Amino acid sequence: MSIELIWIVLGIVMILAEFLVPGLIVIFFGISALVVGLLAWWGVLTDTTYQLWLFGILSGGLLLTLRNRFKAWFKGGSLVADTDTPDDDYIGHYATVLTGFEDGSTFGKVSYRDAHWDATAANGEVAKAGDRVLITGRKGSTLIVQKDA
């Protein structure tokens, strides 16, 4: 097997290895090996010493200049700041009482954004079905509400 073909195969293997080894490092070595192999194939680089030097310089240069830029592209992200919905998404908004809060009970069900939630009254006020309540907090999956004034 010729040295040119070794460089090209090594470059392709390294580029494919990036799928198995995360970190966006191996791909730059693979690109460098592929470039050196193609230049050797075309007869531009015939000396092995020059091939090794070009591989080292090209690999280091690509790694130092492009890794952070490409890593930002492939990093991925979320439109929400964290996996839990922040309480700001609930607090200060209004819900409608569905059931409960009657006969002195401080527990019931409310509807908020077309979803049914367990709720507890913040100050023990009694609310009837259909009343509008203000969400003042959240504890787990239970909304803390108070009757709208």
C-alpha atoms as a PDB file:
ATOM      1  CA  MET A   1       0.000   0.000   0.000  1.00  0.00           C
ATOM      2  CA  SER A   2       1.397   3.387  -0.987  1.00  0.00           C
ATOM      3  CA  ILE A   3       2.007   6.160   1.524  1.00  0.00           C
ATOM      4  CA  GLU A   4      -0.580   8.350  -0.214  1.00  0.00           C
ATOM      5  CA  LEU A   5      -3.266   5.729   0.238  1.00  0.00           C
ATOM      6  CA  ILE A   6      -2.282   5.238   3.887  1.00  0.00           C
ATOM      7  CA  TRP A   7      -2.759   8.974   4.564  1.00  0.00           C
ATOM      8  CA  ILE A   8      -6.150   9.009   2.799  1.00  0.00           C
ATOM      9  CA  VAL A   9      -7.455   5.892   4.582  1.00  0.00           C
ATOM     10  CA  LEU A  10      -6.123   7.183   7.920  1.00  0.00           C
ATOM     11  CA  GLY A  11      -7.902  10.514   7.326  1.00  0.00           C
ATOM     12  CA  ILE A  12     -11.214   8.837   6.516  1.00  0.00           C
ATOM     13  CA  VAL A  13     -10.935   6.534   9.550  1.00  0.00           C
ATOM     14  CA  MET A  14     -10.212   9.483  11.844  1.00  0.00           C
ATOM     15  CA  ILE A  15     -13.132  11.492  10.468  1.00  0.00           C
ATOM     16  CA  LEU A  16     -15.451   8.527  11.033  1.00  0.00           C
ATOM     17  CA  ALA A  17     -13.943   7.972  14.498  1.00  0.00           C
ATOM     18  CA  GLU A  18     -15.234  11.405  15.538  1.00  0.00           C
ATOM     19  CA  PHE A  19     -18.688   9.818  15.741  1.00  0.00           C
ATOM     20  CA  LEU A  20     -17.380   7.403  18.393  1.00  0.00           C
ATOM     21  CA  VAL A  21     -15.025   9.750  20.259  1.00  0.00           C
ATOM     22  CA  PRO A  22     -16.862  12.934  21.252  1.00  0.00           C
ATOM     23  CA  GLY A  23     -15.049  16.192  21.733  1.00  0.00           C
ATOM     24  CA  LEU A  24     -14.505  17.457  18.190  1.00  0.00           C
ATOM     25  CA  ILE A  25     -10.764  16.723  18.158  1.00  0.00           C
ATOM     26  CA  VAL A  26     -10.156  13.635  16.023  1.00  0.00           C
ATOM     27  CA  ILE A  27     -11.918  15.144  13.007  1.00  0.00           C
ATOM     28  CA  PHE A  28      -9.235  17.828  12.634  1.00  0.00           C
ATOM     29  CA  PHE A  29      -6.501  15.185  12.570  1.00  0.00           C
ATOM     30  CA  GLY A  30      -8.561  13.301  10.003  1.00  0.00           C
ATOM     31  CA  ILE A  31      -8.972  16.349   7.784  1.00  0.00           C
ATOM     32  CA  SER A  32      -5.227  17.024   8.018  1.00  0.00           C
ATOM     33  CA  ALA A  33      -4.360  13.424   7.103  1.00  0.00           C
ATOM     34  CA  LEU A  34      -6.787  13.573   4.187  1.00  0.00           C
ATOM     35  CA  VAL A  35      -5.230  16.827   2.899  1.00  0.00           C
ATOM     36  CA  VAL A  36      -1.709  15.416   3.224  1.00  0.00           C
ATOM     37  CA  GLY A  37      -2.785  12.216   1.465  1.00  0.00           C
ATOM     38  CA  LEU A  38      -4.365  14.092  -1.420  1.00  0.00           C
ATOM     39  CA  LEU A  39      -1.330  16.384  -1.800  1.00  0.00           C
ATOM     40  CA  ALA A  40       0.922  13.327  -1.831  1.00  0.00           C
ATOM     41  CA  TRP A  41      -1.383  11.620  -4.353  1.00  0.00           C
ATOM     42  CA  TRP A  42      -1.151  14.641  -6.686  1.00  0.00           C
ATOM     43  CA  GLY A  43       2.635  14.672  -6.361  1.00  0.00           C
ATOM     44  CA  VAL A  44       2.925  17.954  -4.455  1.00  0.00           C
ATOM     45  CA  LEU A  45       4.400  16.288  -1.327  1.00  0.00           C
ATOM     46  CA  THR A  46       6.812  13.476  -2.088  1.00  0.00           C
ATOM     47  CA  ASP A  47       9.045  13.507   0.987  1.00  0.00           C
ATOM     48  CA  THR A  48       7.701  11.771   4.105  1.00  0.00           C
ATOM     49  CA  THR A  49       9.352  14.350   6.365  1.00  0.00           C
ATOM     50  CA  TYR A  50       7.431  17.181   4.707  1.00  0.00           C
ATOM     51  CA  GLN A  51       4.241  15.142   4.928  1.00  0.00           C
ATOM     52  CA  LEU A  52       4.699  14.676   8.687  1.00  0.00           C
ATOM     53  CA  TRP A  53       5.522  18.358   9.197  1.00  0.00           C
ATOM     54  CA  LEU A  54       2.478  19.484   7.208  1.00  0.00           C
ATOM     55  CA  PHE A  55       0.268  17.014   9.082  1.00  0.00           C
ATOM     56  CA  GLY A  56       1.452  18.357  12.454  1.00  0.00           C
ATOM     57  CA  ILE A  57       1.164  22.022  11.524  1.00  0.00           C
ATOM     58  CA  LEU A  58      -2.194  21.600   9.796  1.00  0.00           C
ATOM     59  CA  SER A  59      -3.643  19.503  12.636  1.00  0.00           C
ATOM     60  CA  GLY A  60      -2.534  21.954  15.309  1.00  0.00           C
ATOM     61  CA  GLY A  61      -3.679  24.960  13.319  1.00  0.00           C
ATOM     62  CA  LEU A  62      -7.118  23.535  12.590  1.00  0.00           C
ATOM     63  CA  LEU A  63      -7.525  22.376  16.165  1.00  0.00           C
ATOM     64  CA  LEU A  64      -6.566  25.722  17.694  1.00  0.00           C
ATOM     65  CA  THR A  65      -8.483  27.927  15.269  1.00  0.00           C
ATOM     66  CA  LEU A  66     -11.652  26.021  14.438  1.00  0.00           C
ATOM     67  CA  ARG A  67     -12.487  23.748  17.376  1.00  0.00           C
ATOM     68  CA  ASN A  68     -14.203  26.357  19.557  1.00  0.00           C
ATOM     69  CA  ARG A  69     -16.145  27.760  16.613  1.00  0.00           C
ATOM     70  CA  PHE A  70     -17.388  24.332  15.489  1.00  0.00           C
ATOM     71  CA  LYS A  71     -18.050  23.224  19.061  1.00  0.00           C
ATOM     72  CA  ALA A  72     -20.459  26.143  19.495  1.00  0.00           C
ATOM     73  CA  TRP A  73     -22.350  25.024  16.370  1.00  0.00           C
ATOM     74  CA  PHE A  74     -22.667  21.403  17.475  1.00  0.00           C
ATOM     75  CA  LYS A  75     -23.200  22.024  21.173  1.00  0.00           C
ATOM     76  CA  GLY A  76     -26.966  22.108  21.049  1.00  0.00           C
ATOM     77  CA  GLY A  77     -29.095  23.876  23.554  1.00  0.00           C
ATOM     78  CA  SER A  78     -32.485  24.486  24.923  1.00  0.00           C
ATOM     79  CA  LEU A  79     -34.926  27.289  24.490  1.00  0.00           C
ATOM     80  CA  VAL A  80     -35.786  27.007  28.193  1.00  0.00           C
ATOM     81  CA  ALA A  81     -33.147  28.031  30.712  1.00  0.00           C
ATOM     82  CA  ASP A  82     -33.374  24.768  32.637  1.00  0.00           C
ATOM     83  CA  THR A  83     -35.350  21.552  32.533  1.00  0.00           C
ATOM     84  CA  ASP A  84     -37.854  22.650  35.178  1.00  0.00           C
ATOM     85  CA  THR A  85     -40.298  25.350  34.264  1.00  0.00           C
ATOM     86  CA  PRO A  86     -39.451  28.462  36.266  1.00  0.00           C
ATOM     87  CA  ASP A  87     -42.027  29.587  38.811  1.00  0.00           C
ATOM     88  CA  ASP A  88     -42.207  32.918  36.985  1.00  0.00           C
ATOM     89  CA  ASP A  89     -44.246  31.096  34.373  1.00  0.00           C
ATOM     90  CA  TYR A  90     -47.048  30.604  36.930  1.00  0.00           C
ATOM     91  CA  ILE A  91     -46.815  33.261  39.626  1.00  0.00           C
ATOM     92  CA  GLY A  92     -48.950  36.310  38.982  1.00  0.00           C
ATOM     93  CA  HIS A  93     -51.194  34.587  36.467  1.00  0.00           C
ATOM     94  CA  TYR A  94     -54.817  33.675  36.945  1.00  0.00           C
ATOM     95  CA  ALA A  95     -56.524  30.277  37.036  1.00  0.00           C
ATOM     96  CA  THR A  96     -60.150  29.195  37.217  1.00  0.00           C
ATOM     97  CA  VAL A  97     -61.447  27.035  40.068  1.00  0.00           C
ATOM     98  CA  LEU A  98     -62.882  23.727  38.869  1.00  0.00           C
ATOM     99  CA  THR A  99     -63.732  21.910  42.120  1.00  0.00           C
ATOM    100  CA  GLY A 100     -63.017  21.965  45.818  1.00  0.00           C
ATOM    101  CA  PHE A 101     -62.375  24.900  48.145  1.00  0.00           C
ATOM    102  CA  GLU A 102     -65.873  24.415  49.504  1.00  0.00           C
ATOM    103  CA  ASP A 103     -67.041  23.728  53.046  1.00  0.00           C
ATOM    104  CA  GLY A 104     -63.875  25.214  54.480  1.00  0.00           C
ATOM    105  CA  SER A 105     -61.532  22.999  52.438  1.00  0.00           C
ATOM    106  CA  THR A 106     -58.251  24.586  51.388  1.00  0.00           C
ATOM    107  CA  PHE A 107     -57.654  22.035  48.599  1.00  0.00           C
ATOM    108  CA  GLY A 108     -59.166  21.895  45.143  1.00  0.00           C
ATOM    109  CA  LYS A 109     -58.569  21.777  41.414  1.00  0.00           C
ATOM    110  CA  VAL A 110     -57.943  24.703  39.096  1.00  0.00           C
ATOM    111  CA  SER A 111     -57.584  25.130  35.356  1.00  0.00           C
ATOM    112  CA  TYR A 112     -54.518  26.984  34.126  1.00  0.00           C
ATOM    113  CA  ARG A 113     -53.532  27.084  30.446  1.00  0.00           C
ATOM    114  CA  ASP A 114     -56.018  24.332  29.604  1.00  0.00           C
ATOM    115  CA  ALA A 115     -54.488  21.944  32.150  1.00  0.00           C
ATOM    116  CA  HIS A 116     -56.006  20.806  35.439  1.00  0.00           C
ATOM    117  CA  TRP A 117     -53.868  21.381  38.517  1.00  0.00           C
ATOM    118  CA  ASP A 118     -54.149  20.497  42.169  1.00  0.00           C
ATOM    119  CA  ALA A 119     -54.289  23.674  44.180  1.00  0.00           C
ATOM    120  CA  THR A 120     -54.227  24.837  47.764  1.00  0.00           C
ATOM    121  CA  ALA A 121     -55.525  28.128  49.137  1.00  0.00           C
ATOM    122  CA  ALA A 122     -52.778  30.428  50.371  1.00  0.00           C
ATOM    123  CA  ASN A 123     -54.773  32.081  53.117  1.00  0.00           C
ATOM    124  CA  GLY A 124     -57.600  29.605  53.641  1.00  0.00           C
ATOM    125  CA  GLU A 125     -60.144  31.607  51.661  1.00  0.00           C
ATOM    126  CA  VAL A 126     -63.035  29.608  50.237  1.00  0.00           C
ATOM    127  CA  ALA A 127     -63.568  29.808  46.471  1.00  0.00           C
ATOM    128  CA  LYS A 128     -66.390  28.358  44.407  1.00  0.00           C
ATOM    129  CA  ALA A 129     -66.238  26.585  41.063  1.00  0.00           C
ATOM    130  CA  GLY A 130     -65.864  29.167  38.300  1.00  0.00           C
ATOM    131  CA  ASP A 131     -64.115  31.745  40.529  1.00  0.00           C
ATOM    132  CA  ARG A 132     -60.954  33.363  39.269  1.00  0.00           C
ATOM    133  CA  VAL A 133     -57.912  32.898  41.538  1.00  0.00           C
ATOM    134  CA  LEU A 134     -54.425  34.374  41.470  1.00  0.00           C
ATOM    135  CA  ILE A 135     -51.486  31.963  41.466  1.00  0.00           C
ATOM    136  CA  THR A 136     -49.072  33.079  44.183  1.00  0.00           C
ATOM    137  CA  GLY A 137     -46.717  30.109  44.216  1.00  0.00           C
ATOM    138  CA  ARG A 138     -46.079  26.486  43.406  1.00  0.00           C
ATOM    139  CA  LYS A 139     -45.040  23.551  45.546  1.00  0.00           C
ATOM    140  CA  GLY A 140     -44.206  20.566  43.376  1.00  0.00           C
ATOM    141  CA  SER A 141     -47.175  20.061  41.081  1.00  0.00           C
ATOM    142  CA  THR A 142     -49.601  21.914  43.379  1.00  0.00           C
ATOM    143  CA  LEU A 143     -50.369  25.543  42.692  1.00  0.00           C
ATOM    144  CA  ILE A 144     -50.823  27.912  45.634  1.00  0.00           C
ATOM    145  CA  VAL A 145     -53.682  30.282  44.921  1.00  0.00           C
ATOM    146  CA  GLN A 146     -55.620  33.083  46.539  1.00  0.00           C
ATOM    147  CA  LYS A 147     -59.026  34.452  45.708  1.00  0.00           C
ATOM    148  CA  ASP A 148     -58.994  37.347  43.282  1.00  0.00           C
ATOM    149  CA  ALA A 149     -60.087  40.562  44.952  1.00  0.00           C
END
